[in-house]
Amino acid sequence: MTDEAVAALILRHVQRYVAMDILDVYKLLHQGVFGAGHAISNQRAAREWLEKECAKLTPNAAEPLIESVHPNDEIVRVNLRPYLARHGSLKKLLDAFIHSAAQPRGDPETMAHWWEIFHSLTLPNKPLANRFAERTVALIGRTRAAEKWSATQHSPPYDQTHKPAYRVLDLATALELAQSQKMDTRIV
């Protein structure tokens, strides 16, 4: 995969999500590199988290069902509101999530490289120079690298504006999940 593909992924998400902050770009890249493995401590907790989250959501078929978080679409988010609007099975989604999380993914070197691509987009006269403070991006990169690129949550502005609700899956598992329930498999 090329640096240009990573940059295009970042730019696509920044354009799509107006409240996207530096930490949200970090989360995007982290998911693209490492998948969802960090999210499952045990299956029962994962099931309860999914059920509780879905109980609070209003189904919305207008949202995209499958959204890429990887430059080559290898990792995706399955958005819960459109999944619920299509009467998707929570058990099947949970099984797919657990299966995806168990797959080995990424490495710190790839995350460091992708972060450097993001950082380069914030330099003067680059596409994100007026959107994100380059010095803050560099500082967060150094801090997260020292923490071995640990997972993070979305920023409060992103949460409040976009209300993210999804599960991260590898592409093959997401497509199988959608196809088994006769759902749209288009990726945005």
C-alpha atoms as a PDB file:
ATOM      1  CA  MET A   1       0.000   0.000   0.000  1.00  0.00           C
ATOM      2  CA  THR A   2       1.168   3.481  -0.789  1.00  0.00           C
ATOM      3  CA  ASP A   3       1.573   6.557   1.358  1.00  0.00           C
ATOM      4  CA  GLU A   4      -0.909   8.226  -0.977  1.00  0.00           C
ATOM      5  CA  ALA A   5      -3.552   5.615  -0.111  1.00  0.00           C
ATOM      6  CA  VAL A   6      -3.079   6.262   3.602  1.00  0.00           C
ATOM      7  CA  ALA A   7      -3.299  10.018   3.013  1.00  0.00           C
ATOM      8  CA  ALA A   8      -6.456   9.553   0.922  1.00  0.00           C
ATOM      9  CA  LEU A   9      -8.076   7.523   3.732  1.00  0.00           C
ATOM     10  CA  ILE A  10      -7.316  10.270   6.253  1.00  0.00           C
ATOM     11  CA  LEU A  11      -8.540  13.041   3.966  1.00  0.00           C
ATOM     12  CA  ARG A  12     -11.747  11.133   3.150  1.00  0.00           C
ATOM     13  CA  HIS A  13     -12.609  10.744   6.838  1.00  0.00           C
ATOM     14  CA  VAL A  14     -11.680  14.328   7.723  1.00  0.00           C
ATOM     15  CA  GLN A  15     -13.972  15.535   4.954  1.00  0.00           C
ATOM     16  CA  ARG A  16     -16.799  13.172   5.958  1.00  0.00           C
ATOM     17  CA  TYR A  17     -16.668  13.965   9.685  1.00  0.00           C
ATOM     18  CA  VAL A  18     -16.589  17.698  10.352  1.00  0.00           C
ATOM     19  CA  ALA A  19     -15.925  17.278  14.090  1.00  0.00           C
ATOM     20  CA  MET A  20     -12.944  14.980  13.566  1.00  0.00           C
ATOM     21  CA  ASP A  21     -10.118  15.853  15.924  1.00  0.00           C
ATOM     22  CA  ILE A  22      -6.512  14.658  16.090  1.00  0.00           C
ATOM     23  CA  LEU A  23      -7.516  11.822  18.444  1.00  0.00           C
ATOM     24  CA  ASP A  24     -10.185  10.717  15.984  1.00  0.00           C
ATOM     25  CA  VAL A  25      -7.584  10.491  13.223  1.00  0.00           C
ATOM     26  CA  TYR A  26      -5.475   8.502  15.677  1.00  0.00           C
ATOM     27  CA  LYS A  27      -8.397   6.142  16.331  1.00  0.00           C
ATOM     28  CA  LEU A  28      -9.013   5.760  12.587  1.00  0.00           C
ATOM     29  CA  LEU A  29      -5.393   4.838  11.940  1.00  0.00           C
ATOM     30  CA  HIS A  30      -5.215   2.604  15.014  1.00  0.00           C
ATOM     31  CA  GLN A  31      -8.258   0.653  13.839  1.00  0.00           C
ATOM     32  CA  GLY A  32      -6.822   0.392  10.341  1.00  0.00           C
ATOM     33  CA  VAL A  33      -3.541  -0.991  11.647  1.00  0.00           C
ATOM     34  CA  PHE A  34      -4.600  -3.091  14.621  1.00  0.00           C
ATOM     35  CA  GLY A  35      -8.249  -3.932  13.878  1.00  0.00           C
ATOM     36  CA  ALA A  36     -10.547  -4.529  16.843  1.00  0.00           C
ATOM     37  CA  GLY A  37      -8.453  -6.827  19.000  1.00  0.00           C
ATOM     38  CA  HIS A  38      -8.140  -4.320  21.795  1.00  0.00           C
ATOM     39  CA  ALA A  39     -11.887  -4.124  22.277  1.00  0.00           C
ATOM     40  CA  ILE A  40     -12.634  -7.631  23.581  1.00  0.00           C
ATOM     41  CA  SER A  41     -11.601  -8.564  27.090  1.00  0.00           C
ATOM     42  CA  ASN A  42     -14.214 -11.312  27.311  1.00  0.00           C
ATOM     43  CA  GLN A  43     -17.115 -12.485  25.178  1.00  0.00           C
ATOM     44  CA  ARG A  44     -19.812 -11.921  27.774  1.00  0.00           C
ATOM     45  CA  ALA A  45     -18.763  -8.310  28.270  1.00  0.00           C
ATOM     46  CA  ALA A  46     -18.640  -7.816  24.488  1.00  0.00           C
ATOM     47  CA  ARG A  47     -22.183  -9.186  24.140  1.00  0.00           C
ATOM     48  CA  GLU A  48     -23.517  -7.025  26.968  1.00  0.00           C
ATOM     49  CA  TRP A  49     -21.785  -3.938  25.540  1.00  0.00           C
ATOM     50  CA  LEU A  50     -23.300  -4.580  22.102  1.00  0.00           C
ATOM     51  CA  GLU A  51     -26.807  -5.217  23.459  1.00  0.00           C
ATOM     52  CA  LYS A  52     -26.714  -2.169  25.722  1.00  0.00           C
ATOM     53  CA  GLU A  53     -25.418   0.094  22.967  1.00  0.00           C
ATOM     54  CA  CYS A  54     -27.981  -1.140  20.420  1.00  0.00           C
ATOM     55  CA  ALA A  55     -30.860  -0.698  22.867  1.00  0.00           C
ATOM     56  CA  LYS A  56     -30.139   3.057  22.901  1.00  0.00           C
ATOM     57  CA  LEU A  57     -29.864   3.504  19.138  1.00  0.00           C
ATOM     58  CA  THR A  58     -32.454   4.599  16.623  1.00  0.00           C
ATOM     59  CA  PRO A  59     -32.078   2.505  13.462  1.00  0.00           C
ATOM     60  CA  ASN A  60     -31.126   4.570  10.413  1.00  0.00           C
ATOM     61  CA  ALA A  61     -30.930   2.948   6.986  1.00  0.00           C
ATOM     62  CA  ALA A  62     -29.575   6.173   5.438  1.00  0.00           C
ATOM     63  CA  GLU A  63     -26.155   5.744   7.067  1.00  0.00           C
ATOM     64  CA  PRO A  64     -23.602   3.598   5.263  1.00  0.00           C
ATOM     65  CA  LEU A  65     -23.507   0.055   6.600  1.00  0.00           C
ATOM     66  CA  ILE A  66     -19.827  -0.662   5.867  1.00  0.00           C
ATOM     67  CA  GLU A  67     -17.168   2.025   6.116  1.00  0.00           C
ATOM     68  CA  SER A  68     -13.476   1.467   5.409  1.00  0.00           C
ATOM     69  CA  VAL A  69     -10.821   2.361   7.985  1.00  0.00           C
ATOM     70  CA  HIS A  70      -7.961   0.874   5.974  1.00  0.00           C
ATOM     71  CA  PRO A  71      -6.291   2.196   2.799  1.00  0.00           C
ATOM     72  CA  ASN A  72      -6.996  -1.101   1.001  1.00  0.00           C
ATOM     73  CA  ASP A  73     -10.385  -1.673   2.704  1.00  0.00           C
ATOM     74  CA  GLU A  74      -8.969  -4.633   4.671  1.00  0.00           C
ATOM     75  CA  ILE A  75     -10.525  -3.364   7.926  1.00  0.00           C
ATOM     76  CA  VAL A  76     -13.991  -1.799   8.117  1.00  0.00           C
ATOM     77  CA  ARG A  77     -16.529  -0.431  10.541  1.00  0.00           C
ATOM     78  CA  VAL A  78     -19.981  -1.991  10.480  1.00  0.00           C
ATOM     79  CA  ASN A  79     -22.221   0.859  11.586  1.00  0.00           C
ATOM     80  CA  LEU A  80     -24.874  -0.241  14.051  1.00  0.00           C
ATOM     81  CA  ARG A  81     -27.765   2.084  13.136  1.00  0.00           C
ATOM     82  CA  PRO A  82     -28.004   0.876   9.518  1.00  0.00           C
ATOM     83  CA  TYR A  83     -27.323  -2.690  10.669  1.00  0.00           C
ATOM     84  CA  LEU A  84     -30.301  -2.481  13.030  1.00  0.00           C
ATOM     85  CA  ALA A  85     -32.438  -0.813  10.342  1.00  0.00           C
ATOM     86  CA  ARG A  86     -31.805  -3.882   8.177  1.00  0.00           C
ATOM     87  CA  HIS A  87     -32.813  -6.152  11.077  1.00  0.00           C
ATOM     88  CA  GLY A  88     -29.306  -7.546  11.441  1.00  0.00           C
ATOM     89  CA  SER A  89     -28.720 -10.322  13.953  1.00  0.00           C
ATOM     90  CA  LEU A  90     -26.810  -9.154  17.019  1.00  0.00           C
ATOM     91  CA  LYS A  91     -25.575 -12.694  17.612  1.00  0.00           C
ATOM     92  CA  LYS A  92     -24.109 -12.881  14.104  1.00  0.00           C
ATOM     93  CA  LEU A  93     -22.528  -9.456  14.509  1.00  0.00           C
ATOM     94  CA  LEU A  94     -21.036 -10.418  17.865  1.00  0.00           C
ATOM     95  CA  ASP A  95     -19.654 -13.657  16.417  1.00  0.00           C
ATOM     96  CA  ALA A  96     -18.143 -11.717  13.515  1.00  0.00           C
ATOM     97  CA  PHE A  97     -16.651  -9.144  15.887  1.00  0.00           C
ATOM     98  CA  ILE A  98     -15.090 -11.829  18.078  1.00  0.00           C
ATOM     99  CA  HIS A  99     -13.751 -13.643  15.024  1.00  0.00           C
ATOM    100  CA  SER A 100     -12.224 -10.434  13.616  1.00  0.00           C
ATOM    101  CA  ALA A 101     -10.719  -9.404  16.934  1.00  0.00           C
ATOM    102  CA  ALA A 102      -8.929 -12.754  17.196  1.00  0.00           C
ATOM    103  CA  GLN A 103      -7.110 -12.213  13.884  1.00  0.00           C
ATOM    104  CA  PRO A 104      -3.519 -10.997  14.223  1.00  0.00           C
ATOM    105  CA  ARG A 105      -3.194  -7.457  12.957  1.00  0.00           C
ATOM    106  CA  GLY A 106      -0.643  -4.775  12.346  1.00  0.00           C
ATOM    107  CA  ASP A 107       2.451  -3.681  14.119  1.00  0.00           C
ATOM    108  CA  PRO A 108       3.770  -0.555  15.829  1.00  0.00           C
ATOM    109  CA  GLU A 109       6.059   0.263  12.904  1.00  0.00           C
ATOM    110  CA  THR A 110       3.101   0.510  10.532  1.00  0.00           C
ATOM    111  CA  MET A 111       1.236   2.714  13.005  1.00  0.00           C
ATOM    112  CA  ALA A 112       4.274   4.971  13.363  1.00  0.00           C
ATOM    113  CA  HIS A 113       4.555   5.242   9.579  1.00  0.00           C
ATOM    114  CA  TRP A 114       0.867   6.021   9.110  1.00  0.00           C
ATOM    115  CA  TRP A 115       1.048   8.648  11.866  1.00  0.00           C
ATOM    116  CA  GLU A 116       4.003  10.250  10.101  1.00  0.00           C
ATOM    117  CA  ILE A 117       1.900  10.417   6.918  1.00  0.00           C
ATOM    118  CA  PHE A 118      -0.836  12.190   8.901  1.00  0.00           C
ATOM    119  CA  HIS A 119       1.759  14.509  10.435  1.00  0.00           C
ATOM    120  CA  SER A 120       3.074  15.394   6.964  1.00  0.00           C
ATOM    121  CA  LEU A 121      -0.458  16.422   5.916  1.00  0.00           C
ATOM    122  CA  THR A 122      -0.455  19.052   8.691  1.00  0.00           C
ATOM    123  CA  LEU A 123       2.766  20.773   7.628  1.00  0.00           C
ATOM    124  CA  PRO A 124       2.546  24.287   6.116  1.00  0.00           C
ATOM    125  CA  ASN A 125       0.946  24.363   2.671  1.00  0.00           C
ATOM    126  CA  LYS A 126      -0.331  20.785   3.017  1.00  0.00           C
ATOM    127  CA  PRO A 127      -4.042  19.775   2.895  1.00  0.00           C
ATOM    128  CA  LEU A 128      -4.604  19.694   6.678  1.00  0.00           C
ATOM    129  CA  ALA A 129      -2.334  22.584   7.686  1.00  0.00           C
ATOM    130  CA  ASN A 130      -5.287  24.787   8.620  1.00  0.00           C
ATOM    131  CA  ARG A 131      -7.288  21.989  10.239  1.00  0.00           C
ATOM    132  CA  PHE A 132      -4.832  20.493  12.770  1.00  0.00           C
ATOM    133  CA  ALA A 133      -1.908  22.003  14.667  1.00  0.00           C
ATOM    134  CA  GLU A 134       1.242  20.333  13.348  1.00  0.00           C
ATOM    135  CA  ARG A 135       3.042  20.660  16.693  1.00  0.00           C
ATOM    136  CA  THR A 136       0.164  18.975  18.519  1.00  0.00           C
ATOM    137  CA  VAL A 137       0.112  16.151  15.981  1.00  0.00           C
ATOM    138  CA  ALA A 138       3.857  15.644  16.482  1.00  0.00           C
ATOM    139  CA  LEU A 139       3.487  15.690  20.277  1.00  0.00           C
ATOM    140  CA  ILE A 140       0.612  13.207  20.280  1.00  0.00           C
ATOM    141  CA  GLY A 141       2.606  10.952  17.961  1.00  0.00           C
ATOM    142  CA  ARG A 142       5.607  10.961  20.315  1.00  0.00           C
ATOM    143  CA  THR A 143       3.383  10.365  23.343  1.00  0.00           C
ATOM    144  CA  ARG A 144       1.451   7.516  21.747  1.00  0.00           C
ATOM    145  CA  ALA A 145       4.625   5.902  20.412  1.00  0.00           C
ATOM    146  CA  ALA A 146       6.038   5.926  23.957  1.00  0.00           C
ATOM    147  CA  GLU A 147       2.788   4.229  25.066  1.00  0.00           C
ATOM    148  CA  LYS A 148       3.279   1.597  22.330  1.00  0.00           C
ATOM    149  CA  TRP A 149       0.368   3.012  20.321  1.00  0.00           C
ATOM    150  CA  SER A 150      -2.359   2.182  22.838  1.00  0.00           C
ATOM    151  CA  ALA A 151      -6.030   2.376  21.848  1.00  0.00           C
ATOM    152  CA  THR A 152      -8.095   5.483  22.527  1.00  0.00           C
ATOM    153  CA  GLN A 153     -11.679   6.699  22.444  1.00  0.00           C
ATOM    154  CA  HIS A 154     -13.178   9.240  20.054  1.00  0.00           C
ATOM    155  CA  SER A 155     -12.903  12.873  21.078  1.00  0.00           C
ATOM    156  CA  PRO A 156     -15.897  14.424  22.906  1.00  0.00           C
ATOM    157  CA  PRO A 157     -16.728  16.743  19.958  1.00  0.00           C
ATOM    158  CA  TYR A 158     -16.725  13.760  17.580  1.00  0.00           C
ATOM    159  CA  ASP A 159     -18.907  11.740  19.948  1.00  0.00           C
ATOM    160  CA  GLN A 160     -21.385  14.585  20.396  1.00  0.00           C
ATOM    161  CA  THR A 161     -21.606  15.485  16.710  1.00  0.00           C
ATOM    162  CA  HIS A 162     -21.383  12.104  14.973  1.00  0.00           C
ATOM    163  CA  LYS A 163     -22.526   9.700  17.702  1.00  0.00           C
ATOM    164  CA  PRO A 164     -20.363   6.820  16.442  1.00  0.00           C
ATOM    165  CA  ALA A 165     -21.795   3.326  16.924  1.00  0.00           C
ATOM    166  CA  TYR A 166     -20.027   0.526  15.114  1.00  0.00           C
ATOM    167  CA  ARG A 167     -17.952  -2.635  15.359  1.00  0.00           C
ATOM    168  CA  VAL A 168     -14.614  -3.043  13.623  1.00  0.00           C
ATOM    169  CA  LEU A 169     -14.273  -6.158  11.466  1.00  0.00           C
ATOM    170  CA  ASP A 170     -11.908  -7.483   8.848  1.00  0.00           C
ATOM    171  CA  LEU A 171     -13.368  -7.032   5.385  1.00  0.00           C
ATOM    172  CA  ALA A 172     -13.937 -10.717   4.592  1.00  0.00           C
ATOM    173  CA  THR A 173     -15.863 -11.236   7.835  1.00  0.00           C
ATOM    174  CA  ALA A 174     -17.925  -8.071   7.299  1.00  0.00           C
ATOM    175  CA  LEU A 175     -18.846  -9.078   3.761  1.00  0.00           C
ATOM    176  CA  GLU A 176     -19.777 -12.584   4.880  1.00  0.00           C
ATOM    177  CA  LEU A 177     -21.920 -11.113   7.689  1.00  0.00           C
ATOM    178  CA  ALA A 178     -23.735  -8.764   5.307  1.00  0.00           C
ATOM    179  CA  GLN A 179     -24.177 -11.340   2.537  1.00  0.00           C
ATOM    180  CA  SER A 180     -25.515 -13.986   4.934  1.00  0.00           C
ATOM    181  CA  GLN A 181     -28.294 -11.543   5.847  1.00  0.00           C
ATOM    182  CA  LYS A 182     -28.849 -10.237   2.313  1.00  0.00           C
ATOM    183  CA  MET A 183     -27.514  -6.769   3.131  1.00  0.00           C
ATOM    184  CA  ASP A 184     -25.744  -4.230   0.959  1.00  0.00           C
ATOM    185  CA  THR A 185     -21.989  -4.882   0.790  1.00  0.00           C
ATOM    186  CA  ARG A 186     -20.976  -1.519  -0.670  1.00  0.00           C
ATOM    187  CA  ILE A 187     -18.015   0.025   1.148  1.00  0.00           C
ATOM    188  CA  VAL A 188     -17.694   3.785   1.687  1.00  0.00           C
END
